[in-house]
Protein backbone atom coordinates (compact mmCIF):
# COMPACT_ATOMS: atom_id res chain seq x y z
CA MET A 1 -18.46 22.39 77.07
CA THR A 2 -19.51 25.85 75.86
CA SER A 3 -17.32 28.90 75.54
CA PRO A 4 -18.64 32.19 76.96
CA SER A 5 -20.61 34.43 74.63
CA ASN A 6 -19.68 38.08 74.11
CA ALA A 7 -22.56 39.02 76.38
CA GLN A 8 -21.21 36.71 79.11
CA LEU A 9 -17.72 38.19 78.67
CA ARG A 10 -19.20 41.60 79.24
CA GLU A 11 -20.87 40.42 82.44
CA ILE A 12 -17.51 38.98 83.50
CA LEU A 13 -15.78 42.30 82.85
CA VAL A 14 -18.40 44.17 84.90
CA ASP A 15 -17.67 41.90 87.87
CA MET A 16 -13.90 42.21 87.33
CA VAL A 17 -14.02 46.01 87.30
CA MET A 18 -16.26 46.06 90.36
CA ALA A 19 -13.88 43.77 92.26
CA ARG A 20 -10.82 45.88 91.36
CA THR A 21 -12.59 49.12 92.31
CA GLN A 22 -13.86 47.78 95.64
CA SER A 23 -10.46 46.29 96.42
CA GLY A 24 -8.87 49.74 95.97
CA ARG A 25 -11.51 51.29 98.19
CA LEU A 26 -10.85 48.70 100.91
CA TRP A 27 -7.15 49.39 100.74
CA ASN A 28 -7.83 53.06 101.50
CA LEU A 29 -10.29 52.18 104.27
CA GLN A 30 -7.68 49.96 105.91
CA ARG A 31 -5.12 52.71 105.78
CA GLN A 32 -7.70 54.95 107.49
CA GLY A 33 -8.16 52.39 110.23
CA GLN A 34 -11.78 51.64 109.33
CA VAL A 35 -11.34 47.97 108.41
CA GLY A 36 -8.88 45.22 109.21
CA THR A 37 -6.22 43.58 107.08
CA VAL A 38 -7.37 42.83 103.51
CA ALA A 39 -5.81 41.08 100.51
CA PRO A 40 -5.91 43.12 97.29
CA ILE A 41 -7.41 41.34 94.31
CA ASP A 42 -5.42 43.14 91.61
CA GLY A 43 -4.41 40.68 88.86
CA HIS A 44 -6.64 37.85 90.05
CA GLU A 45 -9.93 39.11 88.69
CA ALA A 46 -10.12 37.17 85.43
CA THR A 47 -9.41 33.84 87.08
CA ILE A 48 -11.83 34.23 89.95
CA VAL A 49 -14.73 35.90 88.14
CA ALA A 50 -14.56 33.72 85.00
CA ALA A 51 -14.41 30.55 87.12
CA VAL A 52 -17.50 31.59 89.06
CA HIS A 53 -19.38 32.45 85.87
CA ALA A 54 -18.81 28.85 84.69
CA LEU A 55 -20.72 27.57 87.74
CA GLU A 56 -24.40 27.06 88.46
CA THR A 57 -25.13 29.16 91.54
CA GLU A 58 -28.22 27.14 92.53
CA HIS A 59 -26.30 23.90 92.99
CA ASP A 60 -22.53 24.52 92.94
CA TRP A 61 -20.51 25.37 96.05
CA VAL A 62 -17.52 27.72 96.28
CA ALA A 63 -14.81 27.46 98.91
CA PRO A 64 -12.76 30.70 98.83
CA GLN A 65 -9.57 31.55 100.61
CA TYR A 66 -9.21 35.26 101.52
CA ARG A 67 -8.84 37.10 98.24
CA GLU A 68 -11.94 35.93 96.37
CA PRO A 69 -15.11 37.38 98.04
CA LEU A 70 -15.19 40.66 96.07
CA ALA A 71 -15.22 38.63 92.84
CA LEU A 72 -18.09 36.37 93.87
CA ARG A 73 -20.86 38.92 93.13
CA ARG A 74 -22.69 36.38 90.97
CA TYR A 75 -23.66 34.52 94.13
CA GLY A 76 -25.61 37.52 95.42
CA PRO A 77 -25.18 40.80 97.34
CA GLU A 78 -25.04 38.93 100.65
CA ILE A 79 -21.45 37.96 99.81
CA LEU A 80 -20.29 41.57 99.92
CA GLU A 81 -22.28 42.29 103.08
CA ARG A 82 -20.81 39.26 104.81
CA PHE A 83 -17.29 40.23 103.68
CA MET A 84 -17.67 43.73 105.14
CA LEU A 85 -18.70 42.22 108.45
CA TYR A 86 -15.64 39.98 108.29
CA SER A 87 -13.44 43.01 107.49
CA LEU A 88 -14.75 44.72 110.59
CA GLY A 89 -13.98 41.66 112.71
CA HIS A 90 -17.69 40.92 113.30
CA PRO A 91 -18.33 37.22 114.13
CA ALA A 92 -21.43 37.26 111.88
CA GLY A 93 -19.01 37.51 108.96
CA GLY A 94 -18.63 33.73 109.22
CA HIS A 95 -22.31 32.96 108.91
CA ILE A 96 -23.54 31.18 105.74
CA PRO A 97 -27.02 32.58 104.93
CA GLU A 98 -29.21 30.17 103.05
CA PRO A 99 -29.29 29.44 100.20
CA ILE A 100 -25.87 30.95 99.39
CA ARG A 101 -23.41 28.17 98.61
CA VAL A 102 -20.21 30.02 99.44
CA LEU A 103 -18.14 29.18 102.51
CA PRO A 104 -16.79 32.03 104.63
CA ASN A 105 -13.35 33.28 103.62
CA GLN A 106 -10.48 32.30 105.88
CA ILE A 107 -6.73 32.74 106.22
CA SER A 108 -5.63 29.27 107.38
CA LEU A 109 -3.50 28.18 104.44
CA GLY A 110 -5.06 25.32 102.44
CA THR A 111 -7.66 24.28 105.00
CA GLN A 112 -10.55 25.07 102.66
CA ILE A 113 -9.43 22.34 100.24
CA PRO A 114 -10.49 19.37 102.45
CA HIS A 115 -13.71 21.26 103.17
CA ALA A 116 -14.51 21.45 99.48
CA VAL A 117 -13.77 17.75 99.00
CA GLY A 118 -16.03 16.95 101.92
CA ILE A 119 -18.85 19.02 100.45
CA ALA A 120 -18.43 17.31 97.09
CA TRP A 121 -18.42 13.87 98.66
CA GLY A 122 -21.51 14.75 100.66
CA MET A 123 -23.29 15.85 97.50
CA THR A 124 -22.45 12.49 95.96
CA LEU A 125 -23.79 10.56 98.95
CA ARG A 126 -26.99 12.55 98.85
CA SER A 127 -27.30 12.30 95.05
CA GLU A 128 -27.38 16.10 94.87
CA PRO A 129 -26.54 17.86 91.60
CA GLY A 130 -23.63 20.25 91.31
CA VAL A 131 -19.91 20.47 92.09
CA ALA A 132 -17.67 22.17 94.64
CA LEU A 133 -15.00 24.58 93.42
CA VAL A 134 -12.15 25.53 95.72
CA PHE A 135 -9.74 28.40 95.25
CA PHE A 136 -6.21 28.21 96.70
CA GLY A 137 -2.85 29.77 95.98
CA ASP A 138 0.47 28.25 94.89
CA GLY A 139 1.66 28.52 98.47
CA SER A 140 -1.17 26.27 99.66
CA SER A 141 0.19 23.50 97.40
CA SER A 142 3.02 23.08 99.95
CA GLU A 143 0.55 22.27 102.70
CA GLY A 144 -0.45 18.76 103.69
CA ASP A 145 -4.10 19.70 103.30
CA PHE A 146 -3.60 20.01 99.54
CA TYR A 147 -2.09 16.55 99.16
CA GLU A 148 -4.48 14.82 101.55
CA ALA A 149 -7.53 16.44 99.97
CA GLY A 150 -6.35 15.82 96.43
CA ASN A 151 -5.66 12.17 97.15
CA LEU A 152 -9.02 11.71 98.87
CA ALA A 153 -10.82 13.48 96.00
CA GLY A 154 -9.23 11.09 93.52
CA VAL A 155 -10.04 8.00 95.55
CA LEU A 156 -13.66 9.09 96.09
CA ASN A 157 -14.09 10.35 92.53
CA ALA A 158 -15.57 13.46 94.14
CA PRO A 159 -17.15 16.17 91.96
CA VAL A 160 -14.70 18.88 92.95
CA VAL A 161 -12.73 21.43 90.91
CA MET A 162 -9.44 22.30 92.56
CA LEU A 163 -8.39 25.72 91.23
CA CYS A 164 -4.81 26.70 92.04
CA VAL A 165 -4.34 30.43 91.46
CA ASN A 166 -0.61 30.60 90.73
CA ASN A 167 0.19 34.29 91.18
CA GLN A 168 3.97 33.58 91.34
CA TRP A 169 4.32 34.56 94.99
CA ALA A 170 3.40 32.88 98.28
CA ILE A 171 3.66 36.18 100.17
CA SER A 172 7.38 36.75 99.44
CA THR A 173 8.33 33.20 98.39
CA PRO A 174 8.71 32.88 94.60
CA VAL A 175 7.43 29.86 92.67
CA HIS A 176 10.88 28.38 92.05
CA GLN A 177 11.36 28.09 95.81
CA GLN A 178 7.88 26.63 96.25
CA THR A 179 8.14 23.55 94.02
CA ALA A 180 10.53 21.64 91.76
CA ALA A 181 7.59 20.22 89.78
CA GLU A 182 7.16 21.22 86.15
CA SER A 183 3.90 22.89 87.13
CA PHE A 184 1.31 22.77 89.86
CA ALA A 185 -1.07 21.14 87.42
CA ALA A 186 1.46 18.27 87.05
CA LYS A 187 0.82 17.39 90.69
CA ALA A 188 -2.58 16.01 89.68
CA ALA A 189 -0.83 12.84 88.45
CA GLY A 190 -0.15 11.91 92.07
CA PHE A 191 -3.90 11.99 92.72
CA GLY A 192 -4.82 10.05 89.59
CA ILE A 193 -6.80 12.97 88.18
CA PRO A 194 -6.43 15.35 85.21
CA GLY A 195 -4.32 18.47 85.59
CA ILE A 196 -4.87 21.49 83.36
CA LYS A 197 -2.67 24.58 83.10
CA VAL A 198 -4.35 27.73 81.76
CA ASP A 199 -3.59 31.42 81.22
CA GLY A 200 -5.30 32.98 84.19
CA ASN A 201 -5.32 36.42 82.59
CA ASP A 202 -7.55 35.09 79.78
CA ALA A 203 -11.12 35.13 81.12
CA ALA A 204 -12.47 32.98 78.26
CA ALA A 205 -9.74 30.38 78.75
CA VAL A 206 -10.43 30.13 82.48
CA TYR A 207 -14.17 29.88 81.83
CA ASP A 208 -13.58 27.04 79.34
CA ALA A 209 -11.24 25.15 81.70
CA VAL A 210 -13.64 25.32 84.64
CA ASP A 211 -16.65 24.56 82.46
CA GLU A 212 -14.91 21.45 81.15
CA ALA A 213 -13.87 20.38 84.67
CA ARG A 214 -17.42 20.91 85.91
CA SER A 215 -18.92 18.91 83.03
CA ARG A 216 -16.47 16.12 83.72
CA ALA A 217 -17.42 16.05 87.40
CA LEU A 218 -21.16 16.06 86.65
CA ALA A 219 -20.65 13.15 84.30
CA GLY A 220 -19.24 11.11 87.19
CA LYS A 221 -15.62 11.33 86.02
CA GLY A 222 -14.35 12.91 89.21
CA PRO A 223 -12.13 15.86 90.13
CA THR A 224 -9.84 18.08 88.08
CA LEU A 225 -6.90 20.22 89.18
CA VAL A 226 -6.76 23.52 87.27
CA GLU A 227 -3.72 25.77 87.53
CA ALA A 228 -4.41 29.36 86.48
CA VAL A 229 -1.14 31.22 85.89
CA ILE A 230 -1.28 34.96 86.67
CA TYR A 231 0.90 37.56 88.35
CA ARG A 232 0.01 39.35 91.56
CA LEU A 233 -0.15 43.04 90.67
CA GLY A 234 -0.30 44.36 94.23
CA ALA A 235 0.72 43.48 97.74
CA HIS A 236 -0.08 40.12 99.31
CA THR A 237 -2.11 41.99 101.94
CA THR A 238 -2.21 45.46 103.42
CA ALA A 239 0.45 44.20 105.85
CA ASP A 240 2.92 43.49 103.03
CA ASP A 241 5.55 45.59 101.18
CA PRO A 242 6.15 43.87 97.80
CA THR A 243 8.73 46.47 96.77
CA ARG A 244 11.18 44.64 99.07
CA TYR A 245 11.18 41.47 96.97
CA VAL A 246 9.26 41.79 93.65
CA PRO A 247 11.57 42.63 90.72
CA PRO A 248 10.20 45.90 89.29
CA GLU A 249 10.80 44.80 85.74
CA ASP A 250 8.68 41.66 86.28
CA LEU A 251 5.85 43.69 87.75
CA GLU A 252 5.98 46.16 84.87
CA ALA A 253 5.74 43.32 82.36
CA ALA A 254 2.79 41.83 84.27
CA ARG A 255 0.99 45.16 84.30
CA ARG A 256 1.09 45.21 80.52
CA ASN A 257 -0.88 41.94 80.66
CA ASP A 258 -3.41 43.25 83.19
CA PRO A 259 -6.48 40.97 82.84
CA ILE A 260 -8.92 43.88 83.05
CA LEU A 261 -7.18 45.89 80.34
CA ARG A 262 -6.92 42.79 78.21
CA LEU A 263 -10.64 41.94 78.30
CA ARG A 264 -11.65 45.61 78.11
CA SER A 265 -9.64 46.05 74.90
CA GLN A 266 -11.31 42.98 73.41
CA LEU A 267 -14.80 44.22 74.20
CA GLU A 268 -14.08 47.76 73.10
CA GLU A 269 -13.19 46.39 69.65
CA LEU A 270 -16.59 44.69 69.60
CA GLY A 271 -18.36 47.89 70.63
CA LEU A 272 -19.43 46.34 73.95
CA TRP A 273 -17.44 48.60 76.29
CA ASP A 274 -16.36 52.21 76.50
CA ASP A 275 -15.28 54.89 78.98
CA ASP A 276 -18.88 55.54 80.03
CA ALA A 277 -19.42 51.88 80.84
CA GLN A 278 -16.17 51.84 82.82
CA ALA A 279 -17.10 54.96 84.84
CA ALA A 280 -20.67 53.72 85.53
CA THR A 281 -19.40 50.33 86.75
CA GLU A 282 -16.79 51.91 89.00
CA ALA A 283 -19.37 54.27 90.49
CA GLU A 284 -21.80 51.42 91.15
CA ALA A 285 -19.05 49.39 92.78
CA MET A 286 -18.14 52.22 95.16
CA ASP A 287 -21.78 52.82 96.05
CA LEU A 288 -22.46 49.14 96.76
CA LEU A 289 -19.35 48.78 98.97
CA ASP A 290 -20.08 51.94 100.96
CA LYS A 291 -23.65 50.82 101.58
CA ALA A 292 -22.44 47.38 102.68
CA LEU A 293 -19.90 49.02 105.02
CA ASP A 294 -22.55 51.27 106.54
CA ALA A 295 -24.85 48.28 107.04
CA ALA A 296 -22.04 46.29 108.67
CA LYS A 297 -21.17 49.14 111.02
CA ALA A 298 -24.81 49.47 112.03
CA MET A 299 -25.23 45.80 112.88
CA PRO A 300 -25.43 45.36 116.67
CA LEU A 301 -22.79 43.12 118.22
CA SER A 302 -23.82 40.83 121.06
CA PRO A 303 -21.13 39.90 123.58
CA ASP A 304 -21.63 36.20 122.81
CA ALA A 305 -21.69 36.56 119.00
CA VAL A 306 -18.23 35.01 118.77
CA LEU A 307 -19.77 31.67 119.77
CA ASP A 308 -22.54 31.71 117.09
CA HIS A 309 -22.38 29.10 114.30
CA CYS A 310 -19.72 27.00 115.98
CA PHE A 311 -22.13 24.05 116.11
CA SER A 312 -25.71 23.50 115.01
CA ALA A 313 -26.60 23.61 118.72
CA ASP A 314 -24.53 24.77 121.69
CA THR A 315 -22.62 22.11 123.59
CA GLN A 316 -22.71 22.23 127.41
CA ARG A 317 -19.30 23.94 127.39
CA LEU A 318 -20.50 26.55 124.90
CA GLU A 319 -23.60 27.19 126.97
CA ARG A 320 -21.44 27.97 129.99
CA GLN A 321 -19.15 30.20 127.95
CA ARG A 322 -22.11 31.99 126.42
CA ALA A 323 -23.62 32.65 129.84
CA ASP A 324 -20.31 34.01 131.11
CA LEU A 325 -19.97 36.37 128.14
CA LEU A 326 -23.52 37.64 128.46
CA GLU A 327 -23.04 38.26 132.18
CA ALA A 328 -19.82 40.16 131.49
CA GLY A 329 -21.60 42.24 128.87
CA GLN A 330 -24.37 43.11 131.30
CA ARG A 331 -21.80 44.22 133.89
CA GLU A 332 -20.22 46.55 131.34
CA ASP A 333 -23.62 48.02 130.44
CA ARG A 334 -24.22 48.84 134.08
């Protein structure tokens, strides 16, 4: 296990600032009716970005939920482009371009956890290097998918890192109504695997925890459940009003522990960050997102695109449905 260098921490901060900036831009675009519902990333940046920086992009897979894509920049610019297509409701937003090892984001609570375990098991059967890391929230821990996947991962000794992002709220349900367990990490005991609880606002601590879990998996010692404790600094999604249930004093306290401000202060003391670096990073983030949005808007949409990537080859039923959609599209064109 190796802790991140100061240079790596600076790279992590760049990605964190970019994710926060682009998230704010998307919020405004949604309010303008230009994109669909989005989930703000505010407060989650250190956990997501640091975890991804502890991975090897050539071999390791990532299974996100719906809040992570903006923080996965390390896996390539295609992630942002695909996310913008998804935000516009374009079916191509679900495509996985090779060789990117990131599954499409989705909103079905907890369903990505069995997918990650399946990928990890498949890698083992094929003697492929790498691990699968899956992000999920505290609310997903109440779903059967979490328990079934965790149990299967333990039995199979699968090389998977299960990263529970505990942001204190499952939409409007607080943690104390979500579980009576001492922690979400404690649930690992039921799977026969290690459970680690870490400060999710500390980028270096998250990096270390994921790096250790990854090393353990690569050594054939199986899965690890990591709980990263943070606080959601914004709404659950653009369809949510957190002022109706989040105690303002709790939110104010959490803002004082903002993960971006925390790492920025650390790097400023080392002379590795300043206002110019902040402004340049924010400007680049806005430029990249706007270009990705323009590219997504310009992508032609075929009437049958919704059926793409359902299977490696169309079934007979899909062939009939595709023909019907194309015929309907031609009628509209006429």
